[in-house]
mmCIF file of all heavy atoms, coordinates in Angstrom:
data_MODEL
# 
_entry.id   MODEL 
# 
loop_
_atom_site.group_PDB 
_atom_site.id 
_atom_site.type_symbol 
_atom_site.label_atom_id 
_atom_site.label_alt_id 
_atom_site.label_comp_id 
_atom_site.label_asym_id 
_atom_site.label_entity_id 
_atom_site.label_seq_id 
_atom_site.pdbx_PDB_ins_code 
_atom_site.Cartn_x 
_atom_site.Cartn_y 
_atom_site.Cartn_z 
_atom_site.occupancy 
_atom_site.B_iso_or_equiv 
_atom_site.pdbx_formal_charge 
_atom_site.auth_seq_id 
_atom_site.auth_comp_id 
_atom_site.auth_asym_id 
_atom_site.auth_atom_id 
_atom_site.pdbx_PDB_model_num 
ATOM 1   N N   . ARG A 1 1  ? -83.093 -15.396 23.610 1.00 0.00 ? 1  ARG A N   1 
ATOM 2   C CA  . ARG A 1 1  ? -82.783 -14.012 23.980 1.00 0.00 ? 1  ARG A CA  1 
ATOM 3   C C   . ARG A 1 1  ? -83.571 -13.587 25.211 1.00 0.00 ? 1  ARG A C   1 
ATOM 4   O O   . ARG A 1 1  ? -83.036 -12.893 26.090 1.00 0.00 ? 1  ARG A O   1 
ATOM 5   C CB  . ARG A 1 1  ? -83.074 -13.076 22.805 1.00 0.00 ? 1  ARG A CB  1 
ATOM 6   C CG  . ARG A 1 1  ? -82.160 -13.311 21.607 1.00 0.00 ? 1  ARG A CG  1 
ATOM 7   C CD  . ARG A 1 1  ? -82.494 -12.387 20.459 1.00 0.00 ? 1  ARG A CD  1 
ATOM 8   N NE  . ARG A 1 1  ? -81.607 -12.611 19.315 1.00 0.00 ? 1  ARG A NE  1 
ATOM 9   C CZ  . ARG A 1 1  ? -81.615 -11.891 18.201 1.00 0.00 ? 1  ARG A CZ  1 
ATOM 10  N NH1 . ARG A 1 1  ? -82.481 -10.883 18.091 1.00 0.00 ? 1  ARG A NH1 1 
ATOM 11  N NH2 . ARG A 1 1  ? -80.777 -12.159 17.218 1.00 0.00 ? 1  ARG A NH2 1 
ATOM 12  N N   . GLU A 1 2  ? -84.832 -13.975 25.290 1.00 0.00 ? 2  GLU A N   1 
ATOM 13  C CA  . GLU A 1 2  ? -85.642 -13.629 26.460 1.00 0.00 ? 2  GLU A CA  1 
ATOM 14  C C   . GLU A 1 2  ? -85.108 -14.325 27.707 1.00 0.00 ? 2  GLU A C   1 
ATOM 15  O O   . GLU A 1 2  ? -85.091 -13.736 28.794 1.00 0.00 ? 2  GLU A O   1 
ATOM 16  C CB  . GLU A 1 2  ? -87.101 -14.015 26.212 1.00 0.00 ? 2  GLU A CB  1 
ATOM 17  C CG  . GLU A 1 2  ? -87.785 -13.132 25.172 1.00 0.00 ? 2  GLU A CG  1 
ATOM 18  C CD  . GLU A 1 2  ? -89.196 -13.591 24.853 1.00 0.00 ? 2  GLU A CD  1 
ATOM 19  O OE1 . GLU A 1 2  ? -89.527 -14.766 25.166 1.00 0.00 ? 2  GLU A OE1 1 
ATOM 20  O OE2 . GLU A 1 2  ? -89.956 -12.794 24.272 1.00 0.00 ? 2  GLU A OE2 1 
ATOM 21  N N   . ARG A 1 3  ? -84.660 -15.565 27.552 1.00 0.00 ? 3  ARG A N   1 
ATOM 22  C CA  . ARG A 1 3  ? -84.103 -16.303 28.690 1.00 0.00 ? 3  ARG A CA  1 
ATOM 23  C C   . ARG A 1 3  ? -82.824 -15.646 29.187 1.00 0.00 ? 3  ARG A C   1 
ATOM 24  O O   . ARG A 1 3  ? -82.583 -15.568 30.401 1.00 0.00 ? 3  ARG A O   1 
ATOM 25  C CB  . ARG A 1 3  ? -83.847 -17.757 28.271 1.00 0.00 ? 3  ARG A CB  1 
ATOM 26  C CG  . ARG A 1 3  ? -83.522 -18.664 29.442 1.00 0.00 ? 3  ARG A CG  1 
ATOM 27  C CD  . ARG A 1 3  ? -83.685 -20.126 29.084 1.00 0.00 ? 3  ARG A CD  1 
ATOM 28  N NE  . ARG A 1 3  ? -82.728 -20.553 28.084 1.00 0.00 ? 3  ARG A NE  1 
ATOM 29  C CZ  . ARG A 1 3  ? -83.053 -21.024 26.882 1.00 0.00 ? 3  ARG A CZ  1 
ATOM 30  N NH1 . ARG A 1 3  ? -84.323 -21.089 26.507 1.00 0.00 ? 3  ARG A NH1 1 
ATOM 31  N NH2 . ARG A 1 3  ? -82.119 -21.422 26.041 1.00 0.00 ? 3  ARG A NH2 1 
ATOM 32  N N   . ARG A 1 4  ? -82.018 -15.150 28.267 1.00 0.00 ? 4  ARG A N   1 
ATOM 33  C CA  . ARG A 1 4  ? -80.777 -14.483 28.660 1.00 0.00 ? 4  ARG A CA  1 
ATOM 34  C C   . ARG A 1 4  ? -81.084 -13.216 29.465 1.00 0.00 ? 4  ARG A C   1 
ATOM 35  O O   . ARG A 1 4  ? -80.449 -12.946 30.487 1.00 0.00 ? 4  ARG A O   1 
ATOM 36  C CB  . ARG A 1 4  ? -79.965 -14.137 27.402 1.00 0.00 ? 4  ARG A CB  1 
ATOM 37  C CG  . ARG A 1 4  ? -78.586 -13.556 27.685 1.00 0.00 ? 4  ARG A CG  1 
ATOM 38  C CD  . ARG A 1 4  ? -77.816 -13.408 26.385 1.00 0.00 ? 4  ARG A CD  1 
ATOM 39  N NE  . ARG A 1 4  ? -77.533 -14.699 25.784 1.00 0.00 ? 4  ARG A NE  1 
ATOM 40  C CZ  . ARG A 1 4  ? -77.716 -14.988 24.501 1.00 0.00 ? 4  ARG A CZ  1 
ATOM 41  N NH1 . ARG A 1 4  ? -78.206 -14.080 23.679 1.00 0.00 ? 4  ARG A NH1 1 
ATOM 42  N NH2 . ARG A 1 4  ? -77.416 -16.191 24.037 1.00 0.00 ? 4  ARG A NH2 1 
ATOM 43  N N   . ILE A 1 5  ? -82.073 -12.445 29.016 1.00 0.00 ? 5  ILE A N   1 
ATOM 44  C CA  . ILE A 1 5  ? -82.453 -11.235 29.743 1.00 0.00 ? 5  ILE A CA  1 
ATOM 45  C C   . ILE A 1 5  ? -82.989 -11.590 31.126 1.00 0.00 ? 5  ILE A C   1 
ATOM 46  O O   . ILE A 1 5  ? -82.649 -10.943 32.120 1.00 0.00 ? 5  ILE A O   1 
ATOM 47  C CB  . ILE A 1 5  ? -83.497 -10.432 28.927 1.00 0.00 ? 5  ILE A CB  1 
ATOM 48  C CG1 . ILE A 1 5  ? -82.835 -9.809  27.693 1.00 0.00 ? 5  ILE A CG1 1 
ATOM 49  C CG2 . ILE A 1 5  ? -84.146 -9.349  29.795 1.00 0.00 ? 5  ILE A CG2 1 
ATOM 50  C CD1 . ILE A 1 5  ? -83.806 -9.157  26.731 1.00 0.00 ? 5  ILE A CD1 1 
ATOM 51  N N   . ARG A 1 6  ? -83.825 -12.626 31.199 1.00 0.00 ? 6  ARG A N   1 
ATOM 52  C CA  . ARG A 1 6  ? -84.372 -13.039 32.497 1.00 0.00 ? 6  ARG A CA  1 
ATOM 53  C C   . ARG A 1 6  ? -83.269 -13.469 33.452 1.00 0.00 ? 6  ARG A C   1 
ATOM 54  O O   . ARG A 1 6  ? -83.338 -13.216 34.664 1.00 0.00 ? 6  ARG A O   1 
ATOM 55  C CB  . ARG A 1 6  ? -85.383 -14.174 32.310 1.00 0.00 ? 6  ARG A CB  1 
ATOM 56  C CG  . ARG A 1 6  ? -86.690 -13.757 31.651 1.00 0.00 ? 6  ARG A CG  1 
ATOM 57  C CD  . ARG A 1 6  ? -87.768 -14.814 31.850 1.00 0.00 ? 6  ARG A CD  1 
ATOM 58  N NE  . ARG A 1 6  ? -87.425 -16.097 31.247 1.00 0.00 ? 6  ARG A NE  1 
ATOM 59  C CZ  . ARG A 1 6  ? -87.727 -16.456 29.996 1.00 0.00 ? 6  ARG A CZ  1 
ATOM 60  N NH1 . ARG A 1 6  ? -88.383 -15.615 29.214 1.00 0.00 ? 6  ARG A NH1 1 
ATOM 61  N NH2 . ARG A 1 6  ? -87.393 -17.654 29.541 1.00 0.00 ? 6  ARG A NH2 1 
ATOM 62  N N   . PHE A 1 7  ? -82.238 -14.124 32.932 1.00 0.00 ? 7  PHE A N   1 
ATOM 63  C CA  . PHE A 1 7  ? -81.116 -14.531 33.778 1.00 0.00 ? 7  PHE A CA  1 
ATOM 64  C C   . PHE A 1 7  ? -80.481 -13.314 34.446 1.00 0.00 ? 7  PHE A C   1 
ATOM 65  O O   . PHE A 1 7  ? -80.248 -13.308 35.668 1.00 0.00 ? 7  PHE A O   1 
ATOM 66  C CB  . PHE A 1 7  ? -80.062 -15.272 32.951 1.00 0.00 ? 7  PHE A CB  1 
ATOM 67  C CG  . PHE A 1 7  ? -78.724 -15.376 33.623 1.00 0.00 ? 7  PHE A CG  1 
ATOM 68  C CD1 . PHE A 1 7  ? -78.520 -16.288 34.660 1.00 0.00 ? 7  PHE A CD1 1 
ATOM 69  C CD2 . PHE A 1 7  ? -77.666 -14.547 33.256 1.00 0.00 ? 7  PHE A CD2 1 
ATOM 70  C CE1 . PHE A 1 7  ? -77.289 -16.377 35.308 1.00 0.00 ? 7  PHE A CE1 1 
ATOM 71  C CE2 . PHE A 1 7  ? -76.436 -14.630 33.889 1.00 0.00 ? 7  PHE A CE2 1 
ATOM 72  C CZ  . PHE A 1 7  ? -76.245 -15.548 34.915 1.00 0.00 ? 7  PHE A CZ  1 
ATOM 73  N N   . TYR A 1 8  ? -80.202 -12.284 33.666 1.00 0.00 ? 8  TYR A N   1 
ATOM 74  C CA  . TYR A 1 8  ? -79.565 -11.100 34.250 1.00 0.00 ? 8  TYR A CA  1 
ATOM 75  C C   . TYR A 1 8  ? -80.505 -10.388 35.226 1.00 0.00 ? 8  TYR A C   1 
ATOM 76  O O   . TYR A 1 8  ? -80.072 -9.909  36.282 1.00 0.00 ? 8  TYR A O   1 
ATOM 77  C CB  . TYR A 1 8  ? -79.115 -10.149 33.148 1.00 0.00 ? 8  TYR A CB  1 
ATOM 78  C CG  . TYR A 1 8  ? -77.891 -10.637 32.406 1.00 0.00 ? 8  TYR A CG  1 
ATOM 79  C CD1 . TYR A 1 8  ? -77.946 -10.917 31.037 1.00 0.00 ? 8  TYR A CD1 1 
ATOM 80  C CD2 . TYR A 1 8  ? -76.688 -10.836 33.069 1.00 0.00 ? 8  TYR A CD2 1 
ATOM 81  C CE1 . TYR A 1 8  ? -76.816 -11.375 30.360 1.00 0.00 ? 8  TYR A CE1 1 
ATOM 82  C CE2 . TYR A 1 8  ? -75.563 -11.292 32.398 1.00 0.00 ? 8  TYR A CE2 1 
ATOM 83  C CZ  . TYR A 1 8  ? -75.631 -11.560 31.042 1.00 0.00 ? 8  TYR A CZ  1 
ATOM 84  O OH  . TYR A 1 8  ? -74.521 -12.023 30.373 1.00 0.00 ? 8  TYR A OH  1 
ATOM 85  N N   . GLU A 1 9  ? -81.803 -10.336 34.896 1.00 0.00 ? 9  GLU A N   1 
ATOM 86  C CA  . GLU A 1 9  ? -82.752 -9.696  35.807 1.00 0.00 ? 9  GLU A CA  1 
ATOM 87  C C   . GLU A 1 9  ? -82.841 -10.456 37.126 1.00 0.00 ? 9  GLU A C   1 
ATOM 88  O O   . GLU A 1 9  ? -82.909 -9.837  38.197 1.00 0.00 ? 9  GLU A O   1 
ATOM 89  C CB  . GLU A 1 9  ? -84.129 -9.614  35.157 1.00 0.00 ? 9  GLU A CB  1 
ATOM 90  C CG  . GLU A 1 9  ? -84.230 -8.580  34.056 1.00 0.00 ? 9  GLU A CG  1 
ATOM 91  C CD  . GLU A 1 9  ? -85.663 -8.404  33.572 1.00 0.00 ? 9  GLU A CD  1 
ATOM 92  O OE1 . GLU A 1 9  ? -86.215 -9.367  33.002 1.00 0.00 ? 9  GLU A OE1 1 
ATOM 93  O OE2 . GLU A 1 9  ? -86.228 -7.316  33.777 1.00 0.00 ? 9  GLU A OE2 1 
ATOM 94  N N   . ARG A 1 10 ? -82.856 -11.779 37.076 1.00 0.00 ? 10 ARG A N   1 
ATOM 95  C CA  . ARG A 1 10 ? -82.906 -12.575 38.303 1.00 0.00 ? 10 ARG A CA  1 
ATOM 96  C C   . ARG A 1 10 ? -81.712 -12.298 39.195 1.00 0.00 ? 10 ARG A C   1 
ATOM 97  O O   . ARG A 1 10 ? -81.780 -12.429 40.414 1.00 0.00 ? 10 ARG A O   1 
ATOM 98  C CB  . ARG A 1 10 ? -82.920 -14.070 37.975 1.00 0.00 ? 10 ARG A CB  1 
ATOM 99  C CG  . ARG A 1 10 ? -84.222 -14.626 37.531 1.00 0.00 ? 10 ARG A CG  1 
ATOM 100 C CD  . ARG A 1 10 ? -84.258 -16.151 37.670 1.00 0.00 ? 10 ARG A CD  1 
ATOM 101 N NE  . ARG A 1 10 ? -83.110 -16.811 37.083 1.00 0.00 ? 10 ARG A NE  1 
ATOM 102 C CZ  . ARG A 1 10 ? -83.014 -17.194 35.811 1.00 0.00 ? 10 ARG A CZ  1 
ATOM 103 N NH1 . ARG A 1 10 ? -84.025 -16.961 34.982 1.00 0.00 ? 10 ARG A NH1 1 
ATOM 104 N NH2 . ARG A 1 10 ? -81.939 -17.810 35.358 1.00 0.00 ? 10 ARG A NH2 1 
ATOM 105 N N   . ASN A 1 11 ? -80.623 -11.888 38.575 1.00 0.00 ? 11 ASN A N   1 
ATOM 106 C CA  . ASN A 1 11 ? -79.398 -11.659 39.337 1.00 0.00 ? 11 ASN A CA  1 
ATOM 107 C C   . ASN A 1 11 ? -79.119 -10.179 39.590 1.00 0.00 ? 11 ASN A C   1 
ATOM 108 O O   . ASN A 1 11 ? -77.978 -9.784  39.824 1.00 0.00 ? 11 ASN A O   1 
ATOM 109 C CB  . ASN A 1 11 ? -78.228 -12.327 38.612 1.00 0.00 ? 11 ASN A CB  1 
ATOM 110 C CG  . ASN A 1 11 ? -78.278 -13.834 38.743 1.00 0.00 ? 11 ASN A CG  1 
ATOM 111 O OD1 . ASN A 1 11 ? -77.993 -14.394 39.793 1.00 0.00 ? 11 ASN A OD1 1 
ATOM 112 N ND2 . ASN A 1 11 ? -78.699 -14.513 37.674 1.00 0.00 ? 11 ASN A ND2 1 
ATOM 113 N N   . GLY A 1 12 ? -80.186 -9.377  39.547 1.00 0.00 ? 12 GLY A N   1 
ATOM 114 C CA  . GLY A 1 12 ? -80.088 -8.000  40.006 1.00 0.00 ? 12 GLY A CA  1 
ATOM 115 C C   . GLY A 1 12 ? -79.921 -6.937  38.958 1.00 0.00 ? 12 GLY A C   1 
ATOM 116 O O   . GLY A 1 12 ? -79.875 -5.750  39.283 1.00 0.00 ? 12 GLY A O   1 
ATOM 117 N N   . ALA A 1 13 ? -79.820 -7.318  37.683 1.00 0.00 ? 13 ALA A N   1 
ATOM 118 C CA  . ALA A 1 13 ? -79.683 -6.311  36.632 1.00 0.00 ? 13 ALA A CA  1 
ATOM 119 C C   . ALA A 1 13 ? -81.027 -5.637  36.381 1.00 0.00 ? 13 ALA A C   1 
ATOM 120 O O   . ALA A 1 13 ? -82.089 -6.245  36.553 1.00 0.00 ? 13 ALA A O   1 
ATOM 121 C CB  . ALA A 1 13 ? -79.158 -6.939  35.346 1.00 0.00 ? 13 ALA A CB  1 
ATOM 122 N N   . VAL A 1 14 ? -80.974 -4.386  35.982 1.00 0.00 ? 14 VAL A N   1 
ATOM 123 C CA  . VAL A 1 14 ? -82.169 -3.617  35.648 1.00 0.00 ? 14 VAL A CA  1 
ATOM 124 C C   . VAL A 1 14 ? -82.302 -3.559  34.134 1.00 0.00 ? 14 VAL A C   1 
ATOM 125 O O   . VAL A 1 14 ? -81.377 -3.127  33.432 1.00 0.00 ? 14 VAL A O   1 
ATOM 126 C CB  . VAL A 1 14 ? -82.085 -2.188  36.216 1.00 0.00 ? 14 VAL A CB  1 
ATOM 127 C CG1 . VAL A 1 14 ? -83.281 -1.351  35.768 1.00 0.00 ? 14 VAL A CG1 1 
ATOM 128 C CG2 . VAL A 1 14 ? -82.000 -2.218  37.737 1.00 0.00 ? 14 VAL A CG2 1 
ATOM 129 N N   . LEU A 1 15 ? -83.443 -4.013  33.617 1.00 0.00 ? 15 LEU A N   1 
ATOM 130 C CA  . LEU A 1 15 ? -83.721 -3.908  32.182 1.00 0.00 ? 15 LEU A CA  1 
ATOM 131 C C   . LEU A 1 15 ? -84.268 -2.523  31.908 1.00 0.00 ? 15 LEU A C   1 
ATOM 132 O O   . LEU A 1 15 ? -85.320 -2.144  32.428 1.00 0.00 ? 15 LEU A O   1 
ATOM 133 C CB  . LEU A 1 15 ? -84.732 -4.971  31.760 1.00 0.00 ? 15 LEU A CB  1 
ATOM 134 C CG  . LEU A 1 15 ? -85.177 -4.926  30.289 1.00 0.00 ? 15 LEU A CG  1 
ATOM 135 C CD1 . LEU A 1 15 ? -84.002 -5.192  29.357 1.00 0.00 ? 15 LEU A CD1 1 
ATOM 136 C CD2 . LEU A 1 15 ? -86.302 -5.929  30.040 1.00 0.00 ? 15 LEU A CD2 1 
ATOM 137 N N   . THR A 1 16 ? -83.558 -1.749  31.116 1.00 0.00 ? 16 THR A N   1 
ATOM 138 C CA  . THR A 1 16 ? -83.986 -0.384  30.807 1.00 0.00 ? 16 THR A CA  1 
ATOM 139 C C   . THR A 1 16 ? -84.846 -0.377  29.550 1.00 0.00 ? 16 THR A C   1 
ATOM 140 O O   . THR A 1 16 ? -84.983 -1.380  28.857 1.00 0.00 ? 16 THR A O   1 
ATOM 141 C CB  . THR A 1 16 ? -82.772 0.538   30.603 1.00 0.00 ? 16 THR A CB  1 
ATOM 142 O OG1 . THR A 1 16 ? -82.181 0.291   29.310 1.00 0.00 ? 16 THR A OG1 1 
ATOM 143 C CG2 . THR A 1 16 ? -81.721 0.323   31.695 1.00 0.00 ? 16 THR A CG2 1 
ATOM 144 N N   . GLN A 1 17 ? -85.386 0.778   29.246 1.00 0.00 ? 17 GLN A N   1 
ATOM 145 C CA  . GLN A 1 17 ? -86.139 0.955   28.004 1.00 0.00 ? 17 GLN A CA  1 
ATOM 146 C C   . GLN A 1 17 ? -85.233 1.327   26.835 1.00 0.00 ? 17 GLN A C   1 
ATOM 147 O O   . GLN A 1 17 ? -85.678 1.376   25.689 1.00 0.00 ? 17 GLN A O   1 
ATOM 148 C CB  . GLN A 1 17 ? -87.208 2.032   28.194 1.00 0.00 ? 17 GLN A CB  1 
ATOM 149 C CG  . GLN A 1 17 ? -88.314 1.645   29.168 1.00 0.00 ? 17 GLN A CG  1 
ATOM 150 C CD  . GLN A 1 17 ? -89.020 0.379   28.745 1.00 0.00 ? 17 GLN A CD  1 
ATOM 151 O OE1 . GLN A 1 17 ? -89.452 0.240   27.604 1.00 0.00 ? 17 GLN A OE1 1 
ATOM 152 N NE2 . GLN A 1 17 ? -89.126 -0.558  29.670 1.00 0.00 ? 17 GLN A NE2 1 
ATOM 153 N N   . VAL A 1 18 ? -83.978 1.588   27.125 1.00 0.00 ? 18 VAL A N   1 
ATOM 154 C CA  . VAL A 1 18 ? -83.048 2.051   26.095 1.00 0.00 ? 18 VAL A CA  1 
ATOM 155 C C   . VAL A 1 18 ? -82.714 0.935   25.113 1.00 0.00 ? 18 VAL A C   1 
ATOM 156 O O   . VAL A 1 18 ? -82.446 -0.200  25.511 1.00 0.00 ? 18 VAL A O   1 
ATOM 157 C CB  . VAL A 1 18 ? -81.756 2.601   26.732 1.00 0.00 ? 18 VAL A CB  1 
ATOM 158 C CG1 . VAL A 1 18 ? -80.717 2.941   25.674 1.00 0.00 ? 18 VAL A CG1 1 
ATOM 159 C CG2 . VAL A 1 18 ? -82.074 3.826   27.588 1.00 0.00 ? 18 VAL A CG2 1 
ATOM 160 N N   . ARG A 1 19 ? -82.767 1.266   23.838 1.00 0.00 ? 19 ARG A N   1 
ATOM 161 C CA  . ARG A 1 19 ? -82.313 0.378   22.782 1.00 0.00 ? 19 ARG A CA  1 
ATOM 162 C C   . ARG A 1 19 ? -81.011 0.912   22.207 1.00 0.00 ? 19 ARG A C   1 
ATOM 163 O O   . ARG A 1 19 ? -80.782 2.127   22.183 1.00 0.00 ? 19 ARG A O   1 
ATOM 164 C CB  . ARG A 1 19 ? -83.328 0.288   21.651 1.00 0.00 ? 19 ARG A CB  1 
ATOM 165 C CG  . ARG A 1 19 ? -84.354 -0.824  21.771 1.00 0.00 ? 19 ARG A CG  1 
ATOM 166 C CD  . ARG A 1 19 ? -85.263 -0.659  22.927 1.00 0.00 ? 19 ARG A CD  1 
ATOM 167 N NE  . ARG A 1 19 ? -86.436 -1.549  22.812 1.00 0.00 ? 19 ARG A NE  1 
ATOM 168 C CZ  . ARG A 1 19 ? -87.407 -1.602  23.685 1.00 0.00 ? 19 ARG A CZ  1 
ATOM 169 N NH1 . ARG A 1 19 ? -87.375 -0.823  24.766 1.00 0.00 ? 19 ARG A NH1 1 
ATOM 170 N NH2 . ARG A 1 19 ? -88.421 -2.429  23.531 1.00 0.00 ? 19 ARG A NH2 1 
ATOM 171 N N   . ALA A 1 20 ? -80.177 -0.003  21.750 1.00 0.00 ? 20 ALA A N   1 
ATOM 172 C CA  . ALA A 1 20 ? -78.922 0.381   21.107 1.00 0.00 ? 20 ALA A CA  1 
ATOM 173 C C   . ALA A 1 20 ? -78.761 -0.452  19.844 1.00 0.00 ? 20 ALA A C   1 
ATOM 174 O O   . ALA A 1 20 ? -78.842 -1.683  19.892 1.00 0.00 ? 20 ALA A O   1 
ATOM 175 C CB  . ALA A 1 20 ? -77.741 0.142   22.051 1.00 0.00 ? 20 ALA A CB  1 
ATOM 176 N N   . GLN A 1 21 ? -78.561 0.225   18.737 1.00 0.00 ? 21 GLN A N   1 
ATOM 177 C CA  . GLN A 1 21 ? -78.251 -0.468  17.496 1.00 0.00 ? 21 GLN A CA  1 
ATOM 178 C C   . GLN A 1 21 ? -76.776 -0.249  17.211 1.00 0.00 ? 21 GLN A C   1 
ATOM 179 O O   . GLN A 1 21 ? -76.322 0.880   17.000 1.00 0.00 ? 21 GLN A O   1 
ATOM 180 C CB  . GLN A 1 21 ? -79.098 0.058   16.341 1.00 0.00 ? 21 GLN A CB  1 
ATOM 181 C CG  . GLN A 1 21 ? -78.978 -0.793  15.085 1.00 0.00 ? 21 GLN A CG  1 
ATOM 182 C CD  . GLN A 1 21 ? -79.917 -0.351  13.997 1.00 0.00 ? 21 GLN A CD  1 
ATOM 183 O OE1 . GLN A 1 21 ? -79.701 0.683   13.370 1.00 0.00 ? 21 GLN A OE1 1 
ATOM 184 N NE2 . GLN A 1 21 ? -80.981 -1.113  13.762 1.00 0.00 ? 21 GLN A NE2 1 
ATOM 185 N N   . LEU A 1 22 ? -76.011 -1.346  17.256 1.00 0.00 ? 22 LEU A N   1 
ATOM 186 C CA  . LEU A 1 22 ? -74.572 -1.284  17.119 1.00 0.00 ? 22 LEU A CA  1 
ATOM 187 C C   . LEU A 1 22 ? -74.146 -2.125  15.925 1.00 0.00 ? 22 LEU A C   1 
ATOM 188 O O   . LEU A 1 22 ? -74.374 -3.335  15.899 1.00 0.00 ? 22 LEU A O   1 
ATOM 189 C CB  . LEU A 1 22 ? -73.885 -1.816  18.392 1.00 0.00 ? 22 LEU A CB  1 
ATOM 190 C CG  . LEU A 1 22 ? -74.464 -1.369  19.739 1.00 0.00 ? 22 LEU A CG  1 
ATOM 191 C CD1 . LEU A 1 22 ? -73.754 -2.061  20.877 1.00 0.00 ? 22 LEU A CD1 1 
ATOM 192 C CD2 . LEU A 1 22 ? -74.382 0.140   19.872 1.00 0.00 ? 22 LEU A CD2 1 
ATOM 193 N N   . PHE A 1 23 ? -73.584 -1.463  14.936 1.00 0.00 ? 23 PHE A N   1 
ATOM 194 C CA  . PHE A 1 23 ? -73.131 -2.160  13.742 1.00 0.00 ? 23 PHE A CA  1 
ATOM 195 C C   . PHE A 1 23 ? -74.242 -3.038  13.158 1.00 0.00 ? 23 PHE A C   1 
ATOM 196 O O   . PHE A 1 23 ? -74.017 -4.168  12.732 1.00 0.00 ? 23 PHE A O   1 
ATOM 197 C CB  . PHE A 1 23 ? -71.876 -2.990  14.044 1.00 0.00 ? 23 PHE A CB  1 
ATOM 198 C CG  . PHE A 1 23 ? -70.727 -2.172  14.547 1.00 0.00 ? 23 PHE A CG  1 
ATOM 199 C CD1 . PHE A 1 23 ? -70.466 -2.084  15.920 1.00 0.00 ? 23 PHE A CD1 1 
ATOM 200 C CD2 . PHE A 1 23 ? -69.919 -1.461  13.673 1.00 0.00 ? 23 PHE A CD2 1 
ATOM 201 C CE1 . PHE A 1 23 ? -69.405 -1.316  16.394 1.00 0.00 ? 23 PHE A CE1 1 
ATOM 202 C CE2 . PHE A 1 23 ? -68.866 -0.685  14.133 1.00 0.00 ? 23 PHE A CE2 1 
ATOM 203 C CZ  . PHE A 1 23 ? -68.605 -0.615  15.490 1.00 0.00 ? 23 PHE A CZ  1 
ATOM 204 N N   . GLY A 1 24 ? -75.471 -2.510  13.168 1.00 0.00 ? 24 GLY A N   1 
ATOM 205 C CA  . GLY A 1 24 ? -76.594 -3.187  12.546 1.00 0.00 ? 24 GLY A CA  1 
ATOM 206 C C   . GLY A 1 24 ? -77.350 -4.153  13.429 1.00 0.00 ? 24 GLY A C   1 
ATOM 207 O O   . GLY A 1 24 ? -78.373 -4.711  13.017 1.00 0.00 ? 24 GLY A O   1 
ATOM 208 N N   . VAL A 1 25 ? -76.897 -4.384  14.658 1.00 0.00 ? 25 VAL A N   1 
ATOM 209 C CA  . VAL A 1 25 ? -77.555 -5.324  15.583 1.00 0.00 ? 25 VAL A CA  1 
ATOM 210 C C   . VAL A 1 25 ? -78.249 -4.528  16.689 1.00 0.00 ? 25 VAL A C   1 
ATOM 211 O O   . VAL A 1 25 ? -77.640 -3.638  17.294 1.00 0.00 ? 25 VAL A O   1 
ATOM 212 C CB  . VAL A 1 25 ? -76.552 -6.315  16.195 1.00 0.00 ? 25 VAL A CB  1 
ATOM 213 C CG1 . VAL A 1 25 ? -77.261 -7.259  17.157 1.00 0.00 ? 25 VAL A CG1 1 
ATOM 214 C CG2 . VAL A 1 25 ? -75.831 -7.092  15.101 1.00 0.00 ? 25 VAL A CG2 1 
ATOM 215 N N   . THR A 1 26 ? -79.526 -4.854  16.961 1.00 0.00 ? 26 THR A N   1 
ATOM 216 C CA  . THR A 1 26 ? -80.293 -4.133  17.966 1.00 0.00 ? 26 THR A CA  1 
ATOM 217 C C   . THR A 1 26 ? -80.242 -4.857  19.305 1.00 0.00 ? 26 THR A C   1 
ATOM 218 O O   . THR A 1 26 ? -80.465 -6.073  19.366 1.00 0.00 ? 26 THR A O   1 
ATOM 219 C CB  . THR A 1 26 ? -81.755 -3.973  17.530 1.00 0.00 ? 26 THR A CB  1 
ATOM 220 O OG1 . THR A 1 26 ? -81.796 -3.280  16.276 1.00 0.00 ? 26 THR A OG1 1 
ATOM 221 C CG2 . THR A 1 26 ? -82.554 -3.177  18.572 1.00 0.00 ? 26 THR A CG2 1 
ATOM 222 N N   . TYR A 1 27 ? -79.963 -4.094  20.371 1.00 0.00 ? 27 TYR A N   1 
ATOM 223 C CA  . TYR A 1 27 ? -79.826 -4.658  21.715 1.00 0.00 ? 27 TYR A CA  1 
ATOM 224 C C   . TYR A 1 27 ? -80.809 -4.006  22.679 1.00 0.00 ? 27 TYR A C   1 
ATOM 225 O O   . TYR A 1 27 ? -81.130 -2.817  22.555 1.00 0.00 ? 27 TYR A O   1 
ATOM 226 C CB  . TYR A 1 27 ? -78.409 -4.419  22.258 1.00 0.00 ? 27 TYR A CB  1 
ATOM 227 C CG  . TYR A 1 27 ? -77.324 -5.136  21.493 1.00 0.00 ? 27 TYR A CG  1 
ATOM 228 C CD1 . TYR A 1 27 ? -76.669 -4.511  20.433 1.00 0.00 ? 27 TYR A CD1 1 
ATOM 229 C CD2 . TYR A 1 27 ? -76.941 -6.433  21.822 1.00 0.00 ? 27 TYR A CD2 1 
ATOM 230 C CE1 . TYR A 1 27 ? -75.667 -5.161  19.726 1.00 0.00 ? 27 TYR A CE1 1 
ATOM 231 C CE2 . TYR A 1 27 ? -75.945 -7.087  21.119 1.00 0.00 ? 27 TYR A CE2 1 
ATOM 232 C CZ  . TYR A 1 27 ? -75.309 -6.442  20.072 1.00 0.00 ? 27 TYR A CZ  1 
ATOM 233 O OH  . TYR A 1 27 ? -74.328 -7.095  19.373 1.00 0.00 ? 27 TYR A OH  1 
# 
């Protein structure tokens, strides 16, 4: 999961502080 986030950050995505729990899964 950390590697997936790093991939998007390397490609210009901004990691926010916002959390979302959708149908029991936290993102």
